[in-house]
Every structure is written in C-alpha cells, then in structure tokens.
Amino acid sequence: MKYSNRILKLAVVMLAMGMAFASCVPQKKMLYLKEAQMATESQSVNYVNERNASYKLQPGDNLYIRFLNIVDERNAATLNGEYTNRTTQLSSDASIYLQSYTLDEEGCIELPLTGKIELKNLTVDEAKERLQASIDKYINQTTIIVKLSNFNLTVLGEVSRPGMYKVYQSQINLFEAIAMAGNMTNFAKNSEVRIVRQTDNGSEIVTVDMGAADILSSPYYYLKPNDIIYVEPLKIKQWGFTSFPYSTVISVLSLALTTITLIRSLK
C-alpha cells in the first residue's frame, strides 16, 4: 500500500511539474523589437524605410473614383453614375465595390466621355493625375478623388483573431496588421512571420523577424494589398500542451486517491 501511495504522489508531482513547464513560454519569444528595447536615449537609432505608397495598380484592382464639379454638376453626376445631383451613400463594402471601376485584363478602365484609359503599373497618385488630364480635355474645373477600394489583408496562424481584413487607409505596416488581428498568441514564434505577396512573376514568400529592430527598415515593413501574413507557432504547441486534458487527468488521479483511501479504511 505504501508503494501505491508513493507512485500516486510521484504522479501528482510529475503532473504539476509538467503543467508548470507547459504553461511557461520564454519571454524572449514574445518580445517585439528586442534590440530596440535594450537601447537608451543616447543610443537611439533611426531606421529608414519606404513610407511612400508605391503599390502599382494591376488588372483586377478596383478604384473608387468620384468627380466633383460645382459649375457643371450634371456632367459630374453622369461621370459618377448618378442620374440626380444627390450624394451616393456608401453604406457597405458591396456598395463601394459596385461603384468602383475595375481594371480589365489590359489594365484599363473605361469612363464616359474619355473612353478607355490605361492605369496599369501606376500608383494611385499617378492614376489620379492621368485621369485628371483626360477629364480636363472635356470638362473644366473638375476635381477627381481616387481611392484603392480593394486593400485587403489576410492574417493567419498564431493570432487571436485570424481572418481577412479590409484596410481603409493608403498604407499599413506589419505591426498594425498584427494588432488588427488581436495581437499574437503566447505560442507565436515572432522570429518567423511569413508574408506572401503577389508579384508580376507569381507569389513571393519572405520570412521576417518581428523581434529584430531592423524590421523597421525592411521593404516588407509596409504591407501591400492582398498580402497574406502567417505567424508560425512555437514547437511547444506541436507537443499538444495547449489541448492537454488536464482536468481529465486530475479527475482520474483524484478518483484513484479516493479509491485507495476508501480501501485502506475498510481494512
């Protein structure tokens, strides 16, 4: 009986130690910008990155284009696809899409009056300038608003809220995208974050270290439309600790202890 008690006590101790080790993730695995946190004010370093919105328009992209003209409201309404001078309400993603211009296979859009205009491989600002020049030939004093309406990001892996997110701003960085997804979980491997990006030659996959300060100067710090971010899990999660049935094991051990105690009381 003493032997059984020793085995039971040893099992309880081993379970407690296992739970303690399984629930511990090294802090350095969870830190962002580790080198930057070690620097003092006198040791501060500037990290240069490309902040300009350099995304080049490609076939299939959707542009929200609105024409404003106080002098000639009727023609402006026609260009905007409106039959009255009322303001169109953009109440949903679907309405934004339906009122957008999609670049065709040749990278062109077609507007009333101007016909086809090629915008492929232009930034949004460059596309706005080309559209403005085309419209000025037909209607004077017209102001054009151009926005990219399909800036989508997909965040997968060890984040709190994986999924696809729509971005309603001209640019977003990697940390902002992770924050949108509820930050990384305790089992995220921030040293191996993969970014899948569409290029002219196909899909490009790069791995970045969000724990390193030089991520701030990386060409992948600022994201582009349709980027996919995948956060790799730590190996400790592959061992199954996150789904280990602690309650079941504890219940079995408690039942065994109760049974042994009951048997001893009957003797």
Protein backbone atom coordinates (compact mmCIF):
# COMPACT_ATOMS: atom_id res chain seq x y z
CA MET A 1 0.00 0.00 0.00
CA LYS A 2 2.89 2.33 0.82
CA TYR A 3 4.29 1.55 -2.61
CA SER A 4 0.96 2.58 -4.23
CA ASN A 5 0.93 5.83 -2.27
CA ARG A 6 4.44 6.64 -3.42
CA ILE A 7 3.53 6.03 -7.04
CA LEU A 8 0.45 8.22 -6.70
CA LYS A 9 2.38 11.04 -5.06
CA LEU A 10 5.08 10.83 -7.73
CA ALA A 11 2.45 11.00 -10.48
CA VAL A 12 0.88 14.10 -8.88
CA VAL A 13 4.27 15.81 -8.61
CA MET A 14 5.17 14.97 -12.21
CA LEU A 15 1.81 16.26 -13.43
CA ALA A 16 2.26 19.53 -11.53
CA MET A 17 5.76 19.98 -12.95
CA GLY A 18 4.55 19.18 -16.45
CA MET A 19 1.76 21.74 -16.19
CA ALA A 20 4.21 24.36 -14.95
CA PHE A 21 6.67 23.77 -17.77
CA ALA A 22 3.94 23.51 -20.40
CA SER A 23 2.41 26.83 -19.41
CA CYS A 24 5.76 28.67 -19.50
CA VAL A 25 6.87 30.29 -22.75
CA PRO A 26 10.25 32.09 -22.66
CA GLN A 27 9.66 35.85 -22.55
CA LYS A 28 12.21 36.48 -25.29
CA LYS A 29 9.98 34.51 -27.67
CA MET A 30 7.17 37.02 -27.10
CA LEU A 31 9.08 40.31 -27.36
CA TYR A 32 8.95 42.71 -30.31
CA LEU A 33 11.99 44.82 -31.26
CA LYS A 34 14.25 43.26 -28.65
CA GLU A 35 17.35 45.21 -29.72
CA ALA A 36 15.47 48.50 -29.69
CA GLN A 37 14.29 47.88 -26.11
CA MET A 38 17.90 47.50 -25.00
CA ALA A 39 18.90 50.90 -26.37
CA THR A 40 18.88 54.03 -24.24
CA GLU A 41 18.01 57.54 -25.41
CA SER A 42 21.69 58.27 -26.08
CA GLN A 43 21.94 55.11 -28.18
CA SER A 44 18.80 55.61 -30.25
CA VAL A 45 18.97 54.56 -33.89
CA ASN A 46 16.87 55.76 -36.81
CA TYR A 47 15.54 53.08 -39.13
CA VAL A 48 14.83 54.30 -42.65
CA ASN A 49 12.01 52.64 -44.55
CA GLU A 50 9.97 53.26 -47.67
CA ARG A 51 6.87 55.04 -46.46
CA ASN A 52 5.62 56.15 -49.88
CA ALA A 53 2.59 54.37 -51.24
CA SER A 54 4.40 52.60 -54.08
CA TYR A 55 1.82 49.94 -54.93
CA LYS A 56 1.39 49.59 -58.69
CA LEU A 57 -2.12 49.03 -59.99
CA GLN A 58 -2.75 45.67 -61.63
CA PRO A 59 -5.60 44.10 -63.64
CA GLY A 60 -8.46 43.21 -61.32
CA ASP A 61 -7.86 46.11 -58.93
CA ASN A 62 -10.86 48.26 -58.04
CA LEU A 63 -10.66 52.03 -57.92
CA TYR A 64 -13.25 54.25 -56.29
CA ILE A 65 -13.36 57.37 -58.48
CA ARG A 66 -15.53 60.39 -57.77
CA PHE A 67 -15.83 63.55 -59.85
CA LEU A 68 -16.65 66.92 -58.28
CA ASN A 69 -17.66 69.98 -60.28
CA ILE A 70 -19.70 72.83 -58.78
CA VAL A 71 -20.08 74.62 -62.12
CA ASP A 72 -21.22 71.61 -64.13
CA GLU A 73 -22.92 69.31 -61.63
CA ARG A 74 -24.88 67.45 -64.29
CA ASN A 75 -21.81 66.16 -66.15
CA ALA A 76 -20.13 65.32 -62.85
CA ALA A 77 -23.22 63.32 -61.84
CA THR A 78 -23.10 61.49 -65.16
CA LEU A 79 -19.45 60.56 -64.65
CA ASN A 80 -20.29 59.37 -61.15
CA GLY A 81 -23.08 57.17 -62.50
CA GLU A 82 -25.81 59.25 -60.85
CA TYR A 83 -28.98 60.44 -62.53
CA THR A 84 -29.62 63.19 -59.99
CA ASN A 85 -27.40 65.53 -58.04
CA ARG A 86 -27.87 63.55 -54.83
CA THR A 87 -24.86 62.19 -52.94
CA THR A 88 -24.46 58.44 -53.18
CA GLN A 89 -24.30 56.75 -49.79
CA LEU A 90 -21.53 54.19 -49.36
CA SER A 91 -23.03 52.08 -46.62
CA SER A 92 -21.31 48.77 -47.22
CA ASP A 93 -18.34 47.05 -48.84
CA ALA A 94 -20.66 45.79 -51.58
CA SER A 95 -21.79 49.31 -52.48
CA ILE A 96 -18.19 50.51 -52.61
CA TYR A 97 -17.34 47.62 -54.94
CA LEU A 98 -20.34 48.24 -57.20
CA GLN A 99 -19.44 51.91 -57.56
CA SER A 100 -15.78 51.17 -58.29
CA TYR A 101 -14.02 50.87 -61.62
CA THR A 102 -12.26 47.53 -62.19
CA LEU A 103 -9.08 47.42 -64.23
CA ASP A 104 -9.60 44.97 -67.11
CA GLU A 105 -7.09 42.41 -68.37
CA GLU A 106 -5.18 45.16 -70.16
CA GLY A 107 -5.07 47.30 -67.03
CA CYS A 108 -7.56 49.85 -68.35
CA ILE A 109 -10.81 51.40 -67.14
CA GLU A 110 -13.48 52.98 -69.30
CA LEU A 111 -15.08 56.30 -68.40
CA PRO A 112 -17.91 58.22 -70.06
CA LEU A 113 -16.58 60.86 -72.50
CA THR A 114 -12.93 59.76 -72.27
CA GLY A 115 -13.26 56.09 -73.17
CA LYS A 116 -10.51 53.65 -72.15
CA ILE A 117 -7.63 54.87 -70.01
CA GLU A 118 -4.68 52.63 -69.17
CA LEU A 119 -3.67 52.71 -65.49
CA LYS A 120 -1.64 49.52 -65.17
CA ASN A 121 1.63 49.83 -63.24
CA LEU A 122 0.74 53.30 -61.98
CA THR A 123 0.46 54.28 -58.33
CA VAL A 124 -2.88 55.65 -57.17
CA ASP A 125 -1.50 59.20 -57.29
CA GLU A 126 -0.16 58.69 -60.81
CA ALA A 127 -3.52 57.22 -61.88
CA LYS A 128 -5.27 60.28 -60.44
CA GLU A 129 -3.02 62.61 -62.45
CA ARG A 130 -3.67 60.69 -65.69
CA LEU A 131 -7.43 60.66 -65.09
CA GLN A 132 -7.39 64.38 -64.27
CA ALA A 133 -5.54 65.17 -67.50
CA SER A 134 -8.05 63.13 -69.54
CA ILE A 135 -11.13 64.72 -67.94
CA ASP A 136 -9.75 68.26 -68.27
CA LYS A 137 -9.96 67.88 -72.05
CA TYR A 138 -13.77 67.58 -71.82
CA ILE A 139 -14.91 69.25 -68.59
CA ASN A 140 -13.25 72.23 -66.94
CA GLN A 141 -12.84 72.79 -63.20
CA THR A 142 -13.35 69.16 -62.29
CA THR A 143 -11.72 67.65 -59.21
CA ILE A 144 -11.13 63.90 -59.04
CA ILE A 145 -10.97 61.72 -55.91
CA VAL A 146 -9.27 58.34 -56.43
CA LYS A 147 -9.01 55.61 -53.79
CA LEU A 148 -7.98 51.96 -53.95
CA SER A 149 -11.08 50.12 -52.75
CA ASN A 150 -9.68 46.56 -52.55
CA PHE A 151 -6.91 46.88 -49.95
CA ASN A 152 -7.38 43.51 -48.24
CA LEU A 153 -5.05 41.74 -45.83
CA THR A 154 -5.21 38.15 -44.58
CA VAL A 155 -3.68 37.31 -41.18
CA LEU A 156 -3.36 33.62 -40.26
CA GLY A 157 -1.63 31.43 -37.71
CA GLU A 158 -0.93 32.28 -34.06
CA VAL A 159 -3.01 35.45 -33.71
CA SER A 160 -6.10 35.99 -31.60
CA ARG A 161 -8.46 36.75 -34.49
CA PRO A 162 -7.23 35.23 -37.77
CA GLY A 163 -9.11 36.25 -40.89
CA MET A 164 -9.28 38.68 -43.80
CA TYR A 165 -9.34 42.39 -43.02
CA LYS A 166 -10.20 45.42 -45.14
CA VAL A 167 -7.93 48.43 -44.78
CA TYR A 168 -9.44 51.88 -45.27
CA GLN A 169 -6.18 53.80 -45.46
CA SER A 170 -3.45 54.25 -48.03
CA GLN A 171 -0.82 52.25 -46.14
CA ILE A 172 -0.45 49.97 -43.14
CA ASN A 173 2.60 48.41 -41.50
CA LEU A 174 3.15 44.89 -40.20
CA PHE A 175 2.62 45.77 -36.53
CA GLU A 176 -0.69 47.49 -37.31
CA ALA A 177 -1.87 44.40 -39.22
CA ILE A 178 -0.98 42.10 -36.30
CA ALA A 179 -2.79 44.48 -33.91
CA MET A 180 -5.88 44.34 -36.14
CA ALA A 181 -5.89 40.56 -35.68
CA GLY A 182 -5.80 40.89 -31.89
CA ASN A 183 -2.02 40.54 -31.47
CA MET A 184 -0.01 37.30 -31.41
CA THR A 185 -0.86 34.49 -29.00
CA ASN A 186 1.52 33.20 -26.34
CA PHE A 187 2.53 30.38 -28.69
CA ALA A 188 3.51 32.65 -31.61
CA LYS A 189 7.03 32.46 -32.98
CA ASN A 190 7.61 36.12 -33.76
CA SER A 191 11.01 35.36 -35.28
CA GLU A 192 9.33 33.53 -38.17
CA VAL A 193 6.49 35.55 -39.61
CA ARG A 194 5.87 34.77 -43.26
CA ILE A 195 4.49 37.26 -45.79
CA VAL A 196 3.01 36.00 -49.06
CA ARG A 197 2.93 38.74 -51.70
CA GLN A 198 1.72 38.70 -55.28
CA THR A 199 4.27 39.88 -57.85
CA ASP A 200 4.42 40.01 -61.63
CA ASN A 201 6.23 36.66 -61.56
CA GLY A 202 3.84 34.91 -59.15
CA SER A 203 3.67 34.55 -55.38
CA GLU A 204 6.67 35.59 -53.28
CA ILE A 205 7.21 34.23 -49.75
CA VAL A 206 9.52 36.02 -47.32
CA THR A 207 10.22 35.41 -43.63
CA VAL A 208 10.69 38.36 -41.28
CA ASP A 209 11.73 38.56 -37.63
CA MET A 210 9.43 40.87 -35.68
CA GLY A 211 11.71 40.53 -32.67
CA ALA A 212 14.56 42.23 -34.54
CA ALA A 213 14.73 46.02 -34.65
CA ASP A 214 15.85 46.08 -38.29
CA ILE A 215 12.33 45.01 -39.30
CA LEU A 216 11.63 48.77 -39.23
CA SER A 217 13.86 49.27 -42.28
CA SER A 218 12.68 46.17 -44.12
CA PRO A 219 10.98 46.63 -47.52
CA TYR A 220 8.24 44.39 -46.12
CA TYR A 221 7.53 46.59 -43.09
CA TYR A 222 4.80 48.38 -45.03
CA LEU A 223 2.29 45.95 -46.47
CA LYS A 224 0.66 45.90 -49.88
CA PRO A 225 -2.89 44.98 -50.95
CA ASN A 226 -3.71 41.26 -50.79
CA ASP A 227 -0.66 40.39 -48.66
CA ILE A 228 -1.02 37.25 -46.52
CA ILE A 229 0.65 37.23 -43.08
CA TYR A 230 1.22 33.86 -41.44
CA VAL A 231 2.54 33.66 -37.86
CA GLU A 232 4.41 30.43 -37.20
CA PRO A 233 3.59 28.53 -33.93
CA LEU A 234 6.24 27.58 -31.40
CA LYS A 235 7.28 23.91 -31.24
CA ILE A 236 5.85 23.66 -27.73
CA LYS A 237 2.37 23.88 -29.24
CA GLN A 238 3.12 20.97 -31.56
CA TRP A 239 3.61 18.81 -28.46
CA GLY A 240 -0.06 19.22 -27.70
CA PHE A 241 0.18 21.10 -24.43
CA THR A 242 -2.46 23.59 -25.46
CA SER A 243 -5.04 20.85 -25.74
CA PHE A 244 -3.75 18.57 -22.99
CA PRO A 245 -6.69 17.20 -20.92
CA TYR A 246 -5.50 18.47 -17.56
CA SER A 247 -8.95 18.28 -15.94
CA THR A 248 -9.40 14.67 -17.02
CA VAL A 249 -6.02 13.58 -15.67
CA ILE A 250 -6.59 15.39 -12.37
CA SER A 251 -10.02 13.78 -12.06
CA VAL A 252 -8.55 10.32 -12.66
CA LEU A 253 -5.82 10.91 -10.07
CA SER A 254 -8.36 12.22 -7.57
CA LEU A 255 -10.55 9.18 -8.15
CA ALA A 256 -7.56 6.86 -7.68
CA LEU A 257 -6.59 8.61 -4.45
CA THR A 258 -10.15 8.38 -3.14
CA THR A 259 -10.32 4.68 -4.06
CA ILE A 260 -7.05 3.93 -2.27
CA THR A 261 -8.17 5.84 0.79
CA LEU A 262 -11.50 4.00 0.83
CA ILE A 263 -9.81 0.59 0.52
CA ARG A 264 -7.44 1.40 3.38
CA SER A 265 -10.36 2.49 5.59
CA LEU A 266 -12.14 -0.80 5.00
CA LYS A 267 -9.21 -2.88 6.23
